[in-house]
Amino acid sequence: MDTVPEKVLVDLSDVEFLASMGIRLLILNAKSVFSRGGRMALLRTKPEIRNRLEITDVAMIILIYDGLESAEVMLLA
């Protein structure tokens, strides 16, 4: 039976602070989704959160979109 690869969108709009444990969990989950043929993306990150994700190179592993509309490409692919 064919399965549709999962596409996981994580809305971070209410996240004010992201410690190393949170970053680690995002990476582990993204790798888990990827291992099953899916993709994970982050949505609506506040500038300070996005900056932290870029500094730690998470943005190279997990795509970050400003909103759901900009993530539609991932959803439709």
N, C-alpha and C. Protein backbone atom coordinates (compact mmCIF):
# COMPACT_ATOMS: atom_id res chain seq x y z
N MET A 1 0.84 -1.18 0.00
CA MET A 1 0.00 0.00 0.00
C MET A 1 0.89 1.25 0.00
N ASP A 2 0.61 2.17 -0.92
CA ASP A 2 1.35 3.43 -0.98
C ASP A 2 0.86 4.37 0.10
N THR A 3 1.79 5.07 0.71
CA THR A 3 1.42 6.07 1.71
C THR A 3 1.88 7.43 1.23
N VAL A 4 1.16 8.44 1.64
CA VAL A 4 1.52 9.81 1.30
C VAL A 4 2.55 10.28 2.31
N PRO A 5 3.69 10.80 1.85
CA PRO A 5 4.69 11.31 2.80
C PRO A 5 4.09 12.41 3.67
N GLU A 6 4.38 12.34 4.94
CA GLU A 6 3.81 13.35 5.84
C GLU A 6 4.52 14.69 5.69
N LYS A 7 3.74 15.71 5.87
CA LYS A 7 4.24 17.08 5.83
C LYS A 7 3.83 17.72 7.14
N VAL A 8 4.82 18.08 7.93
CA VAL A 8 4.57 18.59 9.27
C VAL A 8 4.92 20.08 9.29
N LEU A 9 3.94 20.88 9.71
CA LEU A 9 4.15 22.32 9.86
C LEU A 9 4.04 22.65 11.34
N VAL A 10 5.05 23.33 11.87
CA VAL A 10 5.08 23.69 13.28
C VAL A 10 4.98 25.21 13.38
N ASP A 11 3.89 25.68 13.95
CA ASP A 11 3.64 27.11 14.12
C ASP A 11 4.32 27.58 15.41
N LEU A 12 5.31 28.45 15.26
CA LEU A 12 6.07 28.95 16.41
C LEU A 12 5.70 30.39 16.77
N SER A 13 4.54 30.84 16.32
CA SER A 13 4.17 32.24 16.53
C SER A 13 4.05 32.63 18.00
N ASP A 14 3.73 31.69 18.86
CA ASP A 14 3.60 32.00 20.29
C ASP A 14 4.86 31.72 21.09
N VAL A 15 5.91 31.26 20.43
CA VAL A 15 7.16 30.93 21.13
C VAL A 15 7.97 32.20 21.35
N GLU A 16 8.24 32.49 22.61
CA GLU A 16 9.01 33.68 22.98
C GLU A 16 10.48 33.35 23.21
N PHE A 17 10.77 32.10 23.59
CA PHE A 17 12.14 31.69 23.92
C PHE A 17 12.32 30.25 23.48
N LEU A 18 13.48 29.95 22.91
CA LEU A 18 13.77 28.60 22.46
C LEU A 18 15.16 28.21 22.94
N ALA A 19 15.19 27.33 23.94
CA ALA A 19 16.45 26.87 24.51
C ALA A 19 17.03 25.73 23.66
N SER A 20 18.22 25.30 24.00
CA SER A 20 18.89 24.25 23.24
C SER A 20 18.09 22.95 23.22
N MET A 21 17.38 22.63 24.30
CA MET A 21 16.58 21.41 24.33
C MET A 21 15.44 21.49 23.30
N GLY A 22 14.83 22.65 23.18
CA GLY A 22 13.78 22.83 22.17
C GLY A 22 14.31 22.72 20.76
N ILE A 23 15.48 23.28 20.53
CA ILE A 23 16.12 23.18 19.22
C ILE A 23 16.43 21.72 18.90
N ARG A 24 16.95 21.01 19.90
CA ARG A 24 17.27 19.59 19.72
C ARG A 24 16.02 18.79 19.37
N LEU A 25 14.91 19.06 20.05
CA LEU A 25 13.67 18.34 19.77
C LEU A 25 13.15 18.63 18.36
N LEU A 26 13.28 19.88 17.92
CA LEU A 26 12.87 20.21 16.55
C LEU A 26 13.70 19.41 15.54
N ILE A 27 15.01 19.35 15.76
CA ILE A 27 15.89 18.63 14.85
C ILE A 27 15.57 17.14 14.85
N LEU A 28 15.41 16.55 16.03
CA LEU A 28 15.10 15.12 16.12
C LEU A 28 13.79 14.78 15.42
N ASN A 29 12.79 15.62 15.61
CA ASN A 29 11.51 15.39 14.96
C ASN A 29 11.61 15.54 13.45
N ALA A 30 12.35 16.55 13.00
CA ALA A 30 12.52 16.76 11.56
C ALA A 30 13.23 15.56 10.93
N LYS A 31 14.25 15.03 11.61
CA LYS A 31 14.96 13.86 11.10
C LYS A 31 14.04 12.64 11.06
N SER A 32 13.20 12.49 12.06
CA SER A 32 12.26 11.37 12.11
C SER A 32 11.26 11.45 10.96
N VAL A 33 10.73 12.63 10.73
CA VAL A 33 9.79 12.83 9.62
C VAL A 33 10.49 12.55 8.29
N PHE A 34 11.71 13.07 8.14
CA PHE A 34 12.47 12.90 6.91
C PHE A 34 12.77 11.42 6.65
N SER A 35 13.07 10.67 7.71
CA SER A 35 13.40 9.24 7.54
C SER A 35 12.21 8.44 7.02
N ARG A 36 11.01 8.98 7.18
CA ARG A 36 9.81 8.33 6.67
C ARG A 36 9.37 8.93 5.34
N GLY A 37 10.23 9.74 4.75
CA GLY A 37 9.94 10.31 3.44
C GLY A 37 9.17 11.61 3.48
N GLY A 38 8.99 12.17 4.67
CA GLY A 38 8.22 13.41 4.81
C GLY A 38 9.11 14.63 4.93
N ARG A 39 8.46 15.74 5.18
CA ARG A 39 9.16 17.02 5.36
C ARG A 39 8.55 17.78 6.53
N MET A 40 9.37 18.56 7.19
CA MET A 40 8.90 19.38 8.29
C MET A 40 9.35 20.81 8.05
N ALA A 41 8.48 21.75 8.37
CA ALA A 41 8.81 23.17 8.22
C ALA A 41 8.29 23.92 9.44
N LEU A 42 8.92 25.05 9.69
CA LEU A 42 8.53 25.92 10.80
C LEU A 42 7.83 27.14 10.22
N LEU A 43 6.80 27.60 10.92
CA LEU A 43 6.03 28.76 10.47
C LEU A 43 6.04 29.86 11.50
N ARG A 44 5.96 31.08 11.02
CA ARG A 44 5.69 32.26 11.83
C ARG A 44 6.63 32.42 13.03
N THR A 45 7.90 32.27 12.80
CA THR A 45 8.85 32.46 13.90
C THR A 45 9.06 33.95 14.16
N LYS A 46 9.16 34.30 15.41
CA LYS A 46 9.51 35.68 15.76
C LYS A 46 10.96 35.93 15.34
N PRO A 47 11.32 37.18 15.07
CA PRO A 47 12.68 37.47 14.59
C PRO A 47 13.79 36.92 15.49
N GLU A 48 13.63 37.03 16.81
CA GLU A 48 14.69 36.54 17.70
C GLU A 48 14.79 35.01 17.67
N ILE A 49 13.67 34.33 17.47
CA ILE A 49 13.68 32.87 17.36
C ILE A 49 14.29 32.46 16.02
N ARG A 50 13.90 33.13 14.97
CA ARG A 50 14.46 32.83 13.65
C ARG A 50 15.97 33.06 13.64
N ASN A 51 16.41 34.13 14.28
CA ASN A 51 17.84 34.42 14.36
C ASN A 51 18.58 33.28 15.07
N ARG A 52 18.01 32.80 16.18
CA ARG A 52 18.64 31.70 16.92
C ARG A 52 18.70 30.43 16.06
N LEU A 53 17.65 30.17 15.31
CA LEU A 53 17.63 29.00 14.43
C LEU A 53 18.65 29.13 13.30
N GLU A 54 18.85 30.34 12.81
CA GLU A 54 19.84 30.56 11.76
C GLU A 54 21.26 30.46 12.31
N ILE A 55 21.49 31.01 13.49
CA ILE A 55 22.82 30.95 14.12
C ILE A 55 23.23 29.50 14.38
N THR A 56 22.28 28.68 14.79
CA THR A 56 22.58 27.28 15.10
C THR A 56 22.47 26.37 13.88
N ASP A 57 22.30 26.94 12.71
CA ASP A 57 22.20 26.21 11.44
C ASP A 57 20.98 25.30 11.32
N VAL A 58 20.01 25.46 12.20
CA VAL A 58 18.77 24.69 12.09
C VAL A 58 18.05 25.07 10.80
N ALA A 59 18.16 26.32 10.40
CA ALA A 59 17.49 26.79 9.18
C ALA A 59 18.03 26.09 7.93
N MET A 60 19.18 25.45 8.04
CA MET A 60 19.71 24.68 6.91
C MET A 60 19.10 23.28 6.87
N ILE A 61 18.52 22.85 7.99
CA ILE A 61 17.94 21.51 8.09
C ILE A 61 16.43 21.55 7.95
N ILE A 62 15.81 22.55 8.59
CA ILE A 62 14.36 22.68 8.60
C ILE A 62 14.00 23.99 7.92
N LEU A 63 13.15 23.92 6.92
CA LEU A 63 12.73 25.14 6.22
C LEU A 63 11.88 26.01 7.14
N ILE A 64 12.03 27.32 7.01
CA ILE A 64 11.27 28.27 7.82
C ILE A 64 10.50 29.18 6.89
N TYR A 65 9.19 29.28 7.14
CA TYR A 65 8.32 30.13 6.33
C TYR A 65 7.67 31.19 7.20
N ASP A 66 7.38 32.33 6.59
CA ASP A 66 6.72 33.41 7.32
C ASP A 66 5.26 33.12 7.61
N GLY A 67 4.63 32.35 6.76
CA GLY A 67 3.21 32.04 6.96
C GLY A 67 2.81 30.82 6.18
N LEU A 68 1.59 30.40 6.39
CA LEU A 68 1.07 29.21 5.73
C LEU A 68 1.05 29.36 4.21
N GLU A 69 0.75 30.55 3.75
CA GLU A 69 0.69 30.79 2.30
C GLU A 69 2.04 30.51 1.65
N SER A 70 3.11 30.93 2.30
CA SER A 70 4.44 30.72 1.72
C SER A 70 4.88 29.27 1.82
N ALA A 71 4.24 28.49 2.68
CA ALA A 71 4.57 27.06 2.82
C ALA A 71 3.78 26.20 1.85
N GLU A 72 2.87 26.80 1.08
CA GLU A 72 2.04 26.02 0.17
C GLU A 72 2.87 25.24 -0.83
N VAL A 73 4.00 25.76 -1.23
CA VAL A 73 4.86 25.05 -2.18
C VAL A 73 5.25 23.70 -1.60
N MET A 74 5.62 23.69 -0.32
CA MET A 74 5.99 22.44 0.32
C MET A 74 4.78 21.51 0.42
N LEU A 75 3.64 22.07 0.75
CA LEU A 75 2.44 21.24 0.91
C LEU A 75 2.02 20.59 -0.40
N LEU A 76 2.19 21.30 -1.49
CA LEU A 76 1.74 20.79 -2.79
C LEU A 76 2.78 19.91 -3.48
N ALA A 77 4.02 20.00 -3.06
CA ALA A 77 5.09 19.21 -3.72
C ALA A 77 5.00 17.75 -3.37
